[in-house]
């Protein structure tokens, strides 16, 4: 990231209310200007799944042939914090869980939230198609039949129960079955879901890297 910050103009800034101890710092706020003026004009991106031992430097070396272009990997994915915005490897993830929740077991046995899953099963001309949609479940729900707000018992970890199941048949013979279940997500599974989601990044086509670096130097100097 050193190359990235080296392009930024320095400004005078102080953290003291009395205006003392003024320091020269990099104007990181110019980043938003760059994102709108450069990245919106780049037409070619490639999807990449970050591997367990990948770092921004490793990815930059793989894709651009230059580990010093790690700033471009971070820049094109709006990554500000290289620790929390970048996926943790397995060992680091386990340490993070232990530090946050006390132990792996504690994270795996405590509920983060509950979800309602709706399974739609269509049978059209003998062919079966399914899709699954989820929404976060509240402890309270509105019962349209009684016109009342009621409290529901949320399931424990590793258990679920069926809320409803309905089968419909259209005049053309199309069959639709809707099954609704409720289940709970542990703190461990939730954190793992977030971490795995960070693996899907986009990389600017290597052909544009030189152009972006040139434009970056020009804009940072303004």
C-alpha atoms as a PDB file:
ATOM      1  CA  UNK A   1       0.000   0.000   0.000  1.00  0.00           C
ATOM      2  CA  UNK A   2       3.001   2.319   0.298  1.00  0.00           C
ATOM      3  CA  UNK A   3       2.866   3.107  -3.411  1.00  0.00           C
ATOM      4  CA  UNK A   4      -0.772   4.080  -3.155  1.00  0.00           C
ATOM      5  CA  UNK A   5      -0.322   6.506  -0.259  1.00  0.00           C
ATOM      6  CA  UNK A   6       2.819   7.997  -1.772  1.00  0.00           C
ATOM      7  CA  UNK A   7       0.670   9.602  -4.484  1.00  0.00           C
ATOM      8  CA  UNK A   8      -1.527  11.465  -2.005  1.00  0.00           C
ATOM      9  CA  UNK A   9      -0.956  15.133  -1.256  1.00  0.00           C
ATOM     10  CA  UNK A  10       0.025  15.999   2.289  1.00  0.00           C
ATOM     11  CA  UNK A  11      -2.120  18.374   4.318  1.00  0.00           C
ATOM     12  CA  UNK A  12      -1.590  20.071   7.679  1.00  0.00           C
ATOM     13  CA  UNK A  13      -3.780  18.577  10.392  1.00  0.00           C
ATOM     14  CA  UNK A  14      -4.007  18.412  14.176  1.00  0.00           C
ATOM     15  CA  UNK A  15      -5.969  16.285  16.623  1.00  0.00           C
ATOM     16  CA  UNK A  16      -5.664  18.977  19.316  1.00  0.00           C
ATOM     17  CA  UNK A  17      -8.597  21.336  19.946  1.00  0.00           C
ATOM     18  CA  UNK A  18      -6.239  24.241  20.621  1.00  0.00           C
ATOM     19  CA  UNK A  19      -4.661  23.854  17.174  1.00  0.00           C
ATOM     20  CA  UNK A  20      -1.267  22.800  18.484  1.00  0.00           C
ATOM     21  CA  UNK A  21       0.942  19.926  17.348  1.00  0.00           C
ATOM     22  CA  UNK A  22       0.125  20.347  13.653  1.00  0.00           C
ATOM     23  CA  UNK A  23       1.345  17.425  11.562  1.00  0.00           C
ATOM     24  CA  UNK A  24       1.773  16.628   7.893  1.00  0.00           C
ATOM     25  CA  UNK A  25      -0.653  13.807   6.973  1.00  0.00           C
ATOM     26  CA  UNK A  26      -1.861  12.247   3.749  1.00  0.00           C
ATOM     27  CA  UNK A  27      -5.213  13.449   2.456  1.00  0.00           C
ATOM     28  CA  UNK A  28      -6.996  10.083   2.306  1.00  0.00           C
ATOM     29  CA  UNK A  29     -10.329  11.803   1.589  1.00  0.00           C
ATOM     30  CA  UNK A  30      -9.248  12.339  -2.023  1.00  0.00           C
ATOM     31  CA  UNK A  31      -9.946   8.616  -2.472  1.00  0.00           C
ATOM     32  CA  UNK A  32     -13.669   9.180  -3.084  1.00  0.00           C
ATOM     33  CA  UNK A  33     -12.830  11.527  -5.956  1.00  0.00           C
ATOM     34  CA  UNK A  34     -10.658   8.838  -7.495  1.00  0.00           C
ATOM     35  CA  UNK A  35     -13.315   6.171  -7.242  1.00  0.00           C
ATOM     36  CA  UNK A  36     -15.863   8.214  -9.158  1.00  0.00           C
ATOM     37  CA  UNK A  37     -13.484   9.620 -11.772  1.00  0.00           C
ATOM     38  CA  UNK A  38     -11.496   6.485 -12.589  1.00  0.00           C
ATOM     39  CA  UNK A  39     -13.226   3.286 -11.564  1.00  0.00           C
ATOM     40  CA  UNK A  40     -16.583   4.201 -13.096  1.00  0.00           C
ATOM     41  CA  UNK A  41     -14.857   4.491 -16.459  1.00  0.00           C
ATOM     42  CA  UNK A  42     -13.215   1.078 -16.371  1.00  0.00           C
ATOM     43  CA  UNK A  43     -15.207  -1.433 -18.387  1.00  0.00           C
ATOM     44  CA  UNK A  44     -13.246  -4.610 -17.833  1.00  0.00           C
ATOM     45  CA  UNK A  45     -13.229  -6.419 -14.485  1.00  0.00           C
ATOM     46  CA  UNK A  46     -12.528 -10.021 -13.600  1.00  0.00           C
ATOM     47  CA  UNK A  47     -14.088 -11.947 -10.734  1.00  0.00           C
ATOM     48  CA  UNK A  48     -11.640 -13.572  -8.360  1.00  0.00           C
ATOM     49  CA  UNK A  49     -12.105 -15.813  -5.305  1.00  0.00           C
ATOM     50  CA  UNK A  50      -9.468 -15.058  -2.665  1.00  0.00           C
ATOM     51  CA  UNK A  51      -7.675 -18.237  -1.570  1.00  0.00           C
ATOM     52  CA  UNK A  52      -6.779 -19.015   2.041  1.00  0.00           C
ATOM     53  CA  UNK A  53      -3.125 -17.932   1.763  1.00  0.00           C
ATOM     54  CA  UNK A  54      -3.767 -14.949  -0.513  1.00  0.00           C
ATOM     55  CA  UNK A  55      -2.855 -11.444   0.580  1.00  0.00           C
ATOM     56  CA  UNK A  56      -3.330  -8.293  -1.524  1.00  0.00           C
ATOM     57  CA  UNK A  57       0.362  -8.576  -2.415  1.00  0.00           C
ATOM     58  CA  UNK A  58      -0.006 -12.221  -3.520  1.00  0.00           C
ATOM     59  CA  UNK A  59      -3.071 -11.444  -5.624  1.00  0.00           C
ATOM     60  CA  UNK A  60      -1.319  -8.455  -7.203  1.00  0.00           C
ATOM     61  CA  UNK A  61       1.651 -10.641  -8.116  1.00  0.00           C
ATOM     62  CA  UNK A  62      -0.642 -13.321  -9.596  1.00  0.00           C
ATOM     63  CA  UNK A  63      -2.756 -10.929 -11.616  1.00  0.00           C
ATOM     64  CA  UNK A  64      -0.485  -7.989 -12.417  1.00  0.00           C
ATOM     65  CA  UNK A  65       2.945  -9.587 -12.081  1.00  0.00           C
ATOM     66  CA  UNK A  66       3.888  -6.985  -9.478  1.00  0.00           C
ATOM     67  CA  UNK A  67       3.224  -7.338  -5.746  1.00  0.00           C
ATOM     68  CA  UNK A  68       3.622  -3.543  -5.385  1.00  0.00           C
ATOM     69  CA  UNK A  69       0.290  -3.160  -7.171  1.00  0.00           C
ATOM     70  CA  UNK A  70      -1.456  -4.421  -4.026  1.00  0.00           C
ATOM     71  CA  UNK A  71      -2.951  -0.930  -3.773  1.00  0.00           C
ATOM     72  CA  UNK A  72      -4.878  -1.586  -7.011  1.00  0.00           C
ATOM     73  CA  UNK A  73      -6.386  -4.778  -5.587  1.00  0.00           C
ATOM     74  CA  UNK A  74      -7.503  -2.880  -2.476  1.00  0.00           C
ATOM     75  CA  UNK A  75      -8.533   0.210  -4.398  1.00  0.00           C
ATOM     76  CA  UNK A  76     -10.831  -1.575  -6.854  1.00  0.00           C
ATOM     77  CA  UNK A  77     -12.711  -3.311  -4.030  1.00  0.00           C
ATOM     78  CA  UNK A  78     -13.227  -0.302  -1.741  1.00  0.00           C
ATOM     79  CA  UNK A  79     -11.059  -1.951   0.917  1.00  0.00           C
ATOM     80  CA  UNK A  80      -9.966   0.492   3.598  1.00  0.00           C
ATOM     81  CA  UNK A  81      -9.030  -1.850   6.441  1.00  0.00           C
ATOM     82  CA  UNK A  82      -6.729  -4.640   5.153  1.00  0.00           C
ATOM     83  CA  UNK A  83      -7.485  -6.748   8.246  1.00  0.00           C
ATOM     84  CA  UNK A  84     -11.258  -6.636   8.588  1.00  0.00           C
ATOM     85  CA  UNK A  85     -12.155  -5.941   4.932  1.00  0.00           C
ATOM     86  CA  UNK A  86      -9.944  -8.743   3.613  1.00  0.00           C
ATOM     87  CA  UNK A  87     -10.949 -12.392   4.256  1.00  0.00           C
ATOM     88  CA  UNK A  88      -9.112 -13.977   7.162  1.00  0.00           C
ATOM     89  CA  UNK A  89      -7.264 -17.247   6.601  1.00  0.00           C
ATOM     90  CA  UNK A  90      -8.451 -20.221   8.641  1.00  0.00           C
ATOM     91  CA  UNK A  91      -5.955 -19.805  11.482  1.00  0.00           C
ATOM     92  CA  UNK A  92      -6.603 -16.059  11.793  1.00  0.00           C
ATOM     93  CA  UNK A  93     -10.362 -16.629  11.635  1.00  0.00           C
ATOM     94  CA  UNK A  94     -10.215 -19.108  14.526  1.00  0.00           C
ATOM     95  CA  UNK A  95      -8.164 -16.638  16.599  1.00  0.00           C
ATOM     96  CA  UNK A  96     -10.656 -13.877  15.802  1.00  0.00           C
ATOM     97  CA  UNK A  97     -13.569 -16.051  16.951  1.00  0.00           C
ATOM     98  CA  UNK A  98     -11.829 -16.967  20.206  1.00  0.00           C
ATOM     99  CA  UNK A  99     -10.955 -13.346  20.913  1.00  0.00           C
ATOM    100  CA  UNK A 100     -14.499 -12.100  20.216  1.00  0.00           C
ATOM    101  CA  UNK A 101     -16.581 -14.891  21.757  1.00  0.00           C
ATOM    102  CA  UNK A 102     -14.202 -16.483  24.260  1.00  0.00           C
ATOM    103  CA  UNK A 103     -14.060 -19.890  22.578  1.00  0.00           C
ATOM    104  CA  UNK A 104     -15.031 -21.727  19.400  1.00  0.00           C
ATOM    105  CA  UNK A 105     -17.610 -23.748  21.322  1.00  0.00           C
ATOM    106  CA  UNK A 106     -19.221 -20.607  22.721  1.00  0.00           C
ATOM    107  CA  UNK A 107     -19.555 -19.131  19.234  1.00  0.00           C
ATOM    108  CA  UNK A 108     -20.998 -22.363  17.855  1.00  0.00           C
ATOM    109  CA  UNK A 109     -23.589 -22.773  20.605  1.00  0.00           C
ATOM    110  CA  UNK A 110     -24.919 -19.218  20.893  1.00  0.00           C
ATOM    111  CA  UNK A 111     -27.513 -17.768  18.545  1.00  0.00           C
ATOM    112  CA  UNK A 112     -26.801 -14.708  16.435  1.00  0.00           C
ATOM    113  CA  UNK A 113     -30.239 -14.589  14.824  1.00  0.00           C
ATOM    114  CA  UNK A 114     -33.011 -16.804  13.481  1.00  0.00           C
ATOM    115  CA  UNK A 115     -34.210 -17.064   9.896  1.00  0.00           C
ATOM    116  CA  UNK A 116     -37.349 -18.146   8.114  1.00  0.00           C
ATOM    117  CA  UNK A 117     -36.657 -20.172   4.999  1.00  0.00           C
ATOM    118  CA  UNK A 118     -39.214 -20.432   2.213  1.00  0.00           C
ATOM    119  CA  UNK A 119     -38.752 -23.402  -0.105  1.00  0.00           C
ATOM    120  CA  UNK A 120     -40.665 -23.083  -3.387  1.00  0.00           C
ATOM    121  CA  UNK A 121     -40.992 -26.299  -5.390  1.00  0.00           C
ATOM    122  CA  UNK A 122     -42.513 -26.057  -8.872  1.00  0.00           C
ATOM    123  CA  UNK A 123     -43.391 -29.053 -11.009  1.00  0.00           C
ATOM    124  CA  UNK A 124     -43.907 -27.982 -14.608  1.00  0.00           C
ATOM    125  CA  UNK A 125     -44.433 -30.592 -17.320  1.00  0.00           C
ATOM    126  CA  UNK A 126     -42.901 -33.186 -15.072  1.00  0.00           C
ATOM    127  CA  UNK A 127     -39.775 -31.120 -14.358  1.00  0.00           C
ATOM    128  CA  UNK A 128     -39.073 -30.070 -10.796  1.00  0.00           C
ATOM    129  CA  UNK A 129     -37.583 -26.683 -10.006  1.00  0.00           C
ATOM    130  CA  UNK A 130     -36.754 -25.312  -6.562  1.00  0.00           C
ATOM    131  CA  UNK A 131     -35.689 -22.003  -5.087  1.00  0.00           C
ATOM    132  CA  UNK A 132     -34.981 -21.039  -1.502  1.00  0.00           C
ATOM    133  CA  UNK A 133     -35.460 -17.575  -0.011  1.00  0.00           C
ATOM    134  CA  UNK A 134     -34.679 -16.489   3.536  1.00  0.00           C
ATOM    135  CA  UNK A 135     -35.681 -13.593   5.761  1.00  0.00           C
ATOM    136  CA  UNK A 136     -34.582 -12.781   9.289  1.00  0.00           C
ATOM    137  CA  UNK A 137     -37.095 -13.974  11.879  1.00  0.00           C
ATOM    138  CA  UNK A 138     -38.275 -11.902  14.800  1.00  0.00           C
ATOM    139  CA  UNK A 139     -39.444 -13.239  18.144  1.00  0.00           C
ATOM    140  CA  UNK A 140     -42.738 -11.520  17.386  1.00  0.00           C
ATOM    141  CA  UNK A 141     -44.976 -11.943  14.350  1.00  0.00           C
ATOM    142  CA  UNK A 142     -48.318 -10.700  13.086  1.00  0.00           C
ATOM    143  CA  UNK A 143     -51.077 -13.281  12.897  1.00  0.00           C
ATOM    144  CA  UNK A 144     -53.441 -12.208  10.119  1.00  0.00           C
ATOM    145  CA  UNK A 145     -56.050 -14.774  11.156  1.00  0.00           C
ATOM    146  CA  UNK A 146     -56.412 -13.298  14.660  1.00  0.00           C
ATOM    147  CA  UNK A 147     -55.311  -9.760  13.757  1.00  0.00           C
ATOM    148  CA  UNK A 148     -52.852  -9.848  16.659  1.00  0.00           C
ATOM    149  CA  UNK A 149     -49.125  -9.584  17.315  1.00  0.00           C
ATOM    150  CA  UNK A 150     -47.937 -12.837  18.850  1.00  0.00           C
ATOM    151  CA  UNK A 151     -44.703 -14.171  20.320  1.00  0.00           C
ATOM    152  CA  UNK A 152     -43.022 -17.204  18.796  1.00  0.00           C
ATOM    153  CA  UNK A 153     -40.511 -19.616  20.288  1.00  0.00           C
ATOM    154  CA  UNK A 154     -37.282 -19.484  18.316  1.00  0.00           C
ATOM    155  CA  UNK A 155     -35.487 -22.794  17.694  1.00  0.00           C
ATOM    156  CA  UNK A 156     -32.233 -23.758  19.346  1.00  0.00           C
ATOM    157  CA  UNK A 157     -28.970 -24.224  17.464  1.00  0.00           C
ATOM    158  CA  UNK A 158     -28.906 -27.209  15.085  1.00  0.00           C
ATOM    159  CA  UNK A 159     -32.682 -27.554  15.127  1.00  0.00           C
ATOM    160  CA  UNK A 160     -35.540 -26.280  13.001  1.00  0.00           C
ATOM    161  CA  UNK A 161     -39.260 -26.733  12.709  1.00  0.00           C
ATOM    162  CA  UNK A 162     -41.826 -26.327  10.012  1.00  0.00           C
ATOM    163  CA  UNK A 163     -44.113 -23.312  10.225  1.00  0.00           C
ATOM    164  CA  UNK A 164     -46.363 -24.148   7.297  1.00  0.00           C
ATOM    165  CA  UNK A 165     -46.676 -26.189   4.141  1.00  0.00           C
ATOM    166  CA  UNK A 166     -49.051 -25.534   1.259  1.00  0.00           C
ATOM    167  CA  UNK A 167     -49.578 -27.281  -2.069  1.00  0.00           C
ATOM    168  CA  UNK A 168     -51.293 -25.598  -5.025  1.00  0.00           C
ATOM    169  CA  UNK A 169     -52.222 -26.927  -8.458  1.00  0.00           C
ATOM    170  CA  UNK A 170     -52.950 -24.589 -11.366  1.00  0.00           C
ATOM    171  CA  UNK A 171     -55.548 -25.430 -14.085  1.00  0.00           C
ATOM    172  CA  UNK A 172     -52.715 -26.280 -16.502  1.00  0.00           C
ATOM    173  CA  UNK A 173     -51.403 -28.925 -14.141  1.00  0.00           C
ATOM    174  CA  UNK A 174     -48.492 -26.877 -12.769  1.00  0.00           C
ATOM    175  CA  UNK A 175     -47.864 -27.775  -9.145  1.00  0.00           C
ATOM    176  CA  UNK A 176     -46.429 -25.465  -6.506  1.00  0.00           C
ATOM    177  CA  UNK A 177     -45.454 -26.416  -2.977  1.00  0.00           C
ATOM    178  CA  UNK A 178     -44.419 -23.780  -0.446  1.00  0.00           C
ATOM    179  CA  UNK A 179     -42.727 -25.000   2.720  1.00  0.00           C
ATOM    180  CA  UNK A 180     -41.780 -22.531   5.425  1.00  0.00           C
ATOM    181  CA  UNK A 181     -39.266 -23.428   8.122  1.00  0.00           C
ATOM    182  CA  UNK A 182     -37.581 -21.500  10.909  1.00  0.00           C
ATOM    183  CA  UNK A 183     -34.049 -22.154  12.127  1.00  0.00           C
ATOM    184  CA  UNK A 184     -31.295 -20.410  14.055  1.00  0.00           C
ATOM    185  CA  UNK A 185     -27.862 -19.238  12.934  1.00  0.00           C
ATOM    186  CA  UNK A 186     -24.974 -19.475  15.399  1.00  0.00           C
ATOM    187  CA  UNK A 187     -22.492 -16.679  15.951  1.00  0.00           C
ATOM    188  CA  UNK A 188     -19.810 -18.895  14.399  1.00  0.00           C
ATOM    189  CA  UNK A 189     -21.791 -19.567  11.222  1.00  0.00           C
ATOM    190  CA  UNK A 190     -22.697 -15.898  10.901  1.00  0.00           C
ATOM    191  CA  UNK A 191     -19.068 -14.759  11.206  1.00  0.00           C
ATOM    192  CA  UNK A 192     -17.985 -17.459   8.769  1.00  0.00           C
ATOM    193  CA  UNK A 193     -20.650 -16.311   6.286  1.00  0.00           C
ATOM    194  CA  UNK A 194     -19.322 -12.736   6.439  1.00  0.00           C
ATOM    195  CA  UNK A 195     -15.708 -13.850   6.098  1.00  0.00           C
ATOM    196  CA  UNK A 196     -16.423 -16.112   3.127  1.00  0.00           C
ATOM    197  CA  UNK A 197     -18.383 -13.307   1.453  1.00  0.00           C
ATOM    198  CA  UNK A 198     -15.243 -11.169   1.429  1.00  0.00           C
ATOM    199  CA  UNK A 199     -13.504 -13.728  -0.784  1.00  0.00           C
ATOM    200  CA  UNK A 200     -15.419 -12.615  -3.863  1.00  0.00           C
ATOM    201  CA  UNK A 201     -13.563  -9.611  -5.236  1.00  0.00           C
ATOM    202  CA  UNK A 202     -13.176  -7.946  -8.608  1.00  0.00           C
ATOM    203  CA  UNK A 203      -9.913  -7.113 -10.314  1.00  0.00           C
ATOM    204  CA  UNK A 204      -9.368  -4.455 -12.939  1.00  0.00           C
ATOM    205  CA  UNK A 205      -8.036  -5.788 -16.235  1.00  0.00           C
ATOM    206  CA  UNK A 206      -4.233  -5.678 -16.156  1.00  0.00           C
ATOM    207  CA  UNK A 207      -4.325  -3.713 -19.416  1.00  0.00           C
ATOM    208  CA  UNK A 208      -5.715  -0.737 -17.494  1.00  0.00           C
ATOM    209  CA  UNK A 209      -3.271  -0.794 -14.563  1.00  0.00           C
ATOM    210  CA  UNK A 210      -0.788   1.605 -16.160  1.00  0.00           C
ATOM    211  CA  UNK A 211      -3.545   4.027 -17.154  1.00  0.00           C
ATOM    212  CA  UNK A 212      -5.006   3.998 -13.645  1.00  0.00           C
ATOM    213  CA  UNK A 213      -1.626   4.628 -12.051  1.00  0.00           C
ATOM    214  CA  UNK A 214      -1.021   7.596 -14.369  1.00  0.00           C
ATOM    215  CA  UNK A 215      -4.466   9.041 -13.648  1.00  0.00           C
ATOM    216  CA  UNK A 216      -3.951   8.416  -9.940  1.00  0.00           C
ATOM    217  CA  UNK A 217      -0.781  10.490  -9.885  1.00  0.00           C
ATOM    218  CA  UNK A 218      -2.490  13.339 -11.748  1.00  0.00           C
ATOM    219  CA  UNK A 219      -5.555  13.465  -9.493  1.00  0.00           C
ATOM    220  CA  UNK A 220      -3.622  13.111  -6.257  1.00  0.00           C
ATOM    221  CA  UNK A 221      -1.477  16.069  -7.257  1.00  0.00           C
ATOM    222  CA  UNK A 222      -4.485  18.363  -7.647  1.00  0.00           C
END
